[in-house]
Amino acid sequence: MSTEIQSGEHERLGRAVRELRARRGLSQEVLGFRSGLHRNYVGAIERGEINPTFRVLIKLAHGLGFELSELVLLWEERSTDPPPRRRRRRRR
């Protein structure tokens, strides 16, 4: 699996998911359990590394306790946000 960001849209989606998850006070593990997804998959979505299917987006919205339209609305609102600063990872 690639660890590169798919696109700006994927990164914005990840930020929206992360923000909604934080609003609910959920960990990635709890969101994964509620959504029927693995926590690593949730993390990859939040990092913009993968392109989730429509079915996965519905599962995430359900696990977050939000309507899918709220997730999409937040994604749209994030289109004007500046991209977050990337931290460099040290290689071991």
N, C-alpha and C. Protein backbone atom coordinates (compact mmCIF):
# COMPACT_ATOMS: atom_id res chain seq x y z
N MET A 1 0.83 -1.17 0.00
CA MET A 1 0.00 0.00 0.00
C MET A 1 0.88 1.24 0.00
N SER A 2 0.52 2.20 -0.80
CA SER A 2 1.27 3.44 -0.88
C SER A 2 0.99 4.31 0.34
N THR A 3 2.00 5.05 0.76
CA THR A 3 1.80 5.98 1.86
C THR A 3 1.75 7.41 1.36
N GLU A 4 1.62 7.58 0.06
CA GLU A 4 1.52 8.90 -0.53
C GLU A 4 0.07 9.37 -0.50
N ILE A 5 -0.12 10.67 -0.40
CA ILE A 5 -1.46 11.24 -0.46
C ILE A 5 -1.97 11.10 -1.89
N GLN A 6 -3.20 10.61 -2.03
CA GLN A 6 -3.80 10.40 -3.34
C GLN A 6 -3.99 11.73 -4.07
N SER A 7 -4.64 12.69 -3.42
CA SER A 7 -4.88 14.00 -4.02
C SER A 7 -5.31 14.96 -2.93
N GLY A 8 -5.44 16.22 -3.30
CA GLY A 8 -5.92 17.21 -2.35
C GLY A 8 -7.31 16.90 -1.86
N GLU A 9 -8.13 16.32 -2.73
CA GLU A 9 -9.49 15.97 -2.34
C GLU A 9 -9.49 14.87 -1.29
N HIS A 10 -8.61 13.90 -1.46
CA HIS A 10 -8.51 12.81 -0.48
C HIS A 10 -8.00 13.35 0.87
N GLU A 11 -7.06 14.27 0.79
CA GLU A 11 -6.53 14.87 2.02
C GLU A 11 -7.63 15.66 2.74
N ARG A 12 -8.43 16.40 2.00
CA ARG A 12 -9.54 17.16 2.60
C ARG A 12 -10.56 16.23 3.21
N LEU A 13 -10.85 15.12 2.54
CA LEU A 13 -11.78 14.14 3.10
C LEU A 13 -11.24 13.60 4.41
N GLY A 14 -9.96 13.30 4.43
CA GLY A 14 -9.34 12.80 5.66
C GLY A 14 -9.43 13.80 6.80
N ARG A 15 -9.21 15.07 6.49
CA ARG A 15 -9.33 16.09 7.53
C ARG A 15 -10.76 16.20 8.03
N ALA A 16 -11.73 16.06 7.13
CA ALA A 16 -13.14 16.12 7.53
C ALA A 16 -13.48 14.94 8.45
N VAL A 17 -13.04 13.75 8.08
CA VAL A 17 -13.29 12.57 8.91
C VAL A 17 -12.64 12.74 10.27
N ARG A 18 -11.40 13.20 10.29
CA ARG A 18 -10.68 13.39 11.55
C ARG A 18 -11.39 14.42 12.44
N GLU A 19 -11.87 15.50 11.82
CA GLU A 19 -12.55 16.54 12.59
C GLU A 19 -13.86 16.01 13.20
N LEU A 20 -14.63 15.31 12.40
CA LEU A 20 -15.89 14.75 12.91
C LEU A 20 -15.63 13.71 14.00
N ARG A 21 -14.59 12.92 13.81
CA ARG A 21 -14.23 11.92 14.83
C ARG A 21 -13.83 12.62 16.13
N ALA A 22 -13.08 13.70 16.03
CA ALA A 22 -12.67 14.46 17.21
C ALA A 22 -13.88 15.09 17.91
N ARG A 23 -14.84 15.57 17.13
CA ARG A 23 -16.05 16.15 17.72
C ARG A 23 -16.79 15.12 18.59
N ARG A 24 -16.74 13.89 18.19
CA ARG A 24 -17.40 12.81 18.94
C ARG A 24 -16.51 12.23 20.04
N GLY A 25 -15.25 12.64 20.04
CA GLY A 25 -14.32 12.13 21.04
C GLY A 25 -13.98 10.66 20.85
N LEU A 26 -13.93 10.22 19.60
CA LEU A 26 -13.67 8.83 19.29
C LEU A 26 -12.23 8.61 18.87
N SER A 27 -11.70 7.46 19.20
CA SER A 27 -10.40 7.06 18.68
C SER A 27 -10.62 6.44 17.30
N GLN A 28 -9.55 6.27 16.55
CA GLN A 28 -9.66 5.58 15.27
C GLN A 28 -10.14 4.15 15.48
N GLU A 29 -9.71 3.55 16.56
CA GLU A 29 -10.11 2.17 16.84
C GLU A 29 -11.62 2.08 17.09
N VAL A 30 -12.15 2.99 17.89
CA VAL A 30 -13.59 2.98 18.18
C VAL A 30 -14.39 3.29 16.93
N LEU A 31 -13.94 4.28 16.15
CA LEU A 31 -14.64 4.59 14.90
C LEU A 31 -14.61 3.38 13.97
N GLY A 32 -13.48 2.73 13.88
CA GLY A 32 -13.39 1.53 13.06
C GLY A 32 -14.37 0.47 13.49
N PHE A 33 -14.46 0.24 14.80
CA PHE A 33 -15.38 -0.77 15.33
C PHE A 33 -16.82 -0.40 14.99
N ARG A 34 -17.18 0.87 15.23
CA ARG A 34 -18.55 1.33 14.96
C ARG A 34 -18.89 1.27 13.48
N SER A 35 -17.87 1.44 12.64
CA SER A 35 -18.09 1.49 11.19
C SER A 35 -17.93 0.13 10.52
N GLY A 36 -17.39 -0.83 11.24
CA GLY A 36 -17.11 -2.13 10.64
C GLY A 36 -15.87 -2.09 9.77
N LEU A 37 -14.94 -1.20 10.12
CA LEU A 37 -13.68 -1.03 9.37
C LEU A 37 -12.51 -1.24 10.33
N HIS A 38 -11.36 -1.58 9.79
CA HIS A 38 -10.17 -1.72 10.61
C HIS A 38 -9.64 -0.33 10.95
N ARG A 39 -9.08 -0.19 12.15
CA ARG A 39 -8.57 1.12 12.57
C ARG A 39 -7.47 1.63 11.65
N ASN A 40 -6.67 0.72 11.09
CA ASN A 40 -5.62 1.15 10.16
C ASN A 40 -6.22 1.73 8.88
N TYR A 41 -7.35 1.19 8.48
CA TYR A 41 -8.04 1.69 7.29
C TYR A 41 -8.58 3.09 7.56
N VAL A 42 -9.14 3.30 8.76
CA VAL A 42 -9.62 4.63 9.14
C VAL A 42 -8.45 5.61 9.13
N GLY A 43 -7.32 5.20 9.67
CA GLY A 43 -6.13 6.07 9.67
C GLY A 43 -5.67 6.42 8.27
N ALA A 44 -5.69 5.44 7.37
CA ALA A 44 -5.27 5.70 5.99
C ALA A 44 -6.23 6.67 5.30
N ILE A 45 -7.51 6.58 5.61
CA ILE A 45 -8.48 7.55 5.06
C ILE A 45 -8.15 8.94 5.60
N GLU A 46 -7.93 9.04 6.90
CA GLU A 46 -7.63 10.34 7.50
C GLU A 46 -6.35 10.95 6.96
N ARG A 47 -5.41 10.13 6.56
CA ARG A 47 -4.15 10.65 5.98
C ARG A 47 -4.25 10.90 4.48
N GLY A 48 -5.39 10.57 3.89
CA GLY A 48 -5.58 10.80 2.46
C GLY A 48 -4.85 9.81 1.59
N GLU A 49 -4.52 8.65 2.13
CA GLU A 49 -3.72 7.67 1.39
C GLU A 49 -4.54 6.75 0.50
N ILE A 50 -5.83 6.65 0.76
CA ILE A 50 -6.66 5.74 -0.02
C ILE A 50 -7.92 6.45 -0.50
N ASN A 51 -8.56 5.84 -1.47
CA ASN A 51 -9.78 6.37 -2.05
C ASN A 51 -10.95 5.50 -1.59
N PRO A 52 -11.64 5.90 -0.53
CA PRO A 52 -12.72 5.05 -0.01
C PRO A 52 -13.91 5.00 -0.97
N THR A 53 -14.57 3.88 -1.00
CA THR A 53 -15.76 3.73 -1.84
C THR A 53 -16.94 4.44 -1.18
N PHE A 54 -18.01 4.59 -1.95
CA PHE A 54 -19.23 5.18 -1.44
C PHE A 54 -19.74 4.37 -0.24
N ARG A 55 -19.69 3.07 -0.34
CA ARG A 55 -20.13 2.20 0.75
C ARG A 55 -19.32 2.46 2.02
N VAL A 56 -18.02 2.65 1.88
CA VAL A 56 -17.18 2.93 3.04
C VAL A 56 -17.52 4.29 3.63
N LEU A 57 -17.81 5.28 2.80
CA LEU A 57 -18.20 6.60 3.31
C LEU A 57 -19.49 6.51 4.11
N ILE A 58 -20.43 5.70 3.65
CA ILE A 58 -21.68 5.50 4.39
C ILE A 58 -21.38 4.86 5.74
N LYS A 59 -20.50 3.86 5.75
CA LYS A 59 -20.13 3.20 7.00
C LYS A 59 -19.48 4.20 7.97
N LEU A 60 -18.59 5.04 7.45
CA LEU A 60 -17.94 6.04 8.30
C LEU A 60 -18.95 7.01 8.89
N ALA A 61 -19.84 7.51 8.05
CA ALA A 61 -20.86 8.44 8.53
C ALA A 61 -21.70 7.79 9.62
N HIS A 62 -22.08 6.55 9.41
CA HIS A 62 -22.86 5.82 10.41
C HIS A 62 -22.07 5.68 11.71
N GLY A 63 -20.81 5.30 11.60
CA GLY A 63 -19.97 5.13 12.78
C GLY A 63 -19.73 6.44 13.53
N LEU A 64 -19.71 7.54 12.79
CA LEU A 64 -19.53 8.86 13.40
C LEU A 64 -20.82 9.39 14.01
N GLY A 65 -21.95 8.83 13.58
CA GLY A 65 -23.23 9.35 14.06
C GLY A 65 -23.66 10.61 13.34
N PHE A 66 -23.18 10.79 12.12
CA PHE A 66 -23.54 11.93 11.29
C PHE A 66 -24.17 11.42 10.01
N GLU A 67 -24.92 12.28 9.35
CA GLU A 67 -25.41 11.95 8.01
C GLU A 67 -24.25 12.08 7.04
N LEU A 68 -24.27 11.31 5.97
CA LEU A 68 -23.23 11.40 4.95
C LEU A 68 -23.15 12.82 4.39
N SER A 69 -24.30 13.48 4.28
CA SER A 69 -24.32 14.85 3.74
C SER A 69 -23.50 15.79 4.62
N GLU A 70 -23.45 15.55 5.94
CA GLU A 70 -22.65 16.40 6.82
C GLU A 70 -21.16 16.20 6.57
N LEU A 71 -20.78 14.97 6.29
CA LEU A 71 -19.38 14.68 5.97
C LEU A 71 -18.99 15.37 4.66
N VAL A 72 -19.87 15.29 3.67
CA VAL A 72 -19.61 15.92 2.38
C VAL A 72 -19.57 17.44 2.52
N LEU A 73 -20.48 18.00 3.31
CA LEU A 73 -20.50 19.45 3.52
C LEU A 73 -19.20 19.92 4.15
N LEU A 74 -18.72 19.20 5.16
CA LEU A 74 -17.45 19.57 5.79
C LEU A 74 -16.31 19.44 4.79
N TRP A 75 -16.34 18.41 3.95
CA TRP A 75 -15.32 18.25 2.90
C TRP A 75 -15.33 19.48 1.98
N GLU A 76 -16.53 19.93 1.60
CA GLU A 76 -16.64 21.10 0.73
C GLU A 76 -16.12 22.35 1.43
N GLU A 77 -16.43 22.51 2.70
CA GLU A 77 -15.98 23.68 3.46
C GLU A 77 -14.46 23.71 3.57
N ARG A 78 -13.84 22.54 3.61
CA ARG A 78 -12.38 22.47 3.75
C ARG A 78 -11.64 22.81 2.45
N SER A 79 -12.37 23.03 1.37
CA SER A 79 -11.72 23.32 0.09
C SER A 79 -10.99 24.66 0.13
N THR A 80 -11.36 25.55 1.04
CA THR A 80 -10.70 26.85 1.12
C THR A 80 -9.63 26.89 2.21
N ASP A 81 -9.50 25.82 2.97
CA ASP A 81 -8.49 25.76 4.02
C ASP A 81 -7.11 25.58 3.41
N PRO A 82 -6.11 26.24 3.98
CA PRO A 82 -4.75 25.96 3.51
C PRO A 82 -4.36 24.55 3.90
N PRO A 83 -3.53 23.91 3.09
CA PRO A 83 -3.11 22.55 3.44
C PRO A 83 -2.31 22.55 4.73
N PRO A 84 -2.44 21.50 5.54
CA PRO A 84 -1.68 21.45 6.79
C PRO A 84 -0.21 21.28 6.51
N ARG A 85 0.60 21.75 7.43
CA ARG A 85 2.05 21.59 7.28
C ARG A 85 2.40 20.14 7.54
N ARG A 86 3.26 19.63 6.71
CA ARG A 86 3.70 18.24 6.83
C ARG A 86 4.90 18.16 7.76
N ARG A 87 4.83 17.19 8.65
CA ARG A 87 5.99 16.92 9.49
C ARG A 87 6.81 15.86 8.80
N ARG A 88 8.09 16.02 8.83
CA ARG A 88 8.97 15.01 8.24
C ARG A 88 9.17 13.88 9.22
N ARG A 89 9.11 12.69 8.68
CA ARG A 89 9.38 11.51 9.50
C ARG A 89 10.85 11.18 9.42
N ARG A 90 11.39 10.85 10.55
CA ARG A 90 12.80 10.44 10.57
C ARG A 90 12.87 8.98 10.20
N ARG A 91 13.81 8.65 9.35
CA ARG A 91 14.02 7.25 8.99
C ARG A 91 14.88 6.59 10.03
N ARG A 92 14.55 5.37 10.29
CA ARG A 92 15.32 4.62 11.30
C ARG A 92 16.16 3.59 10.64
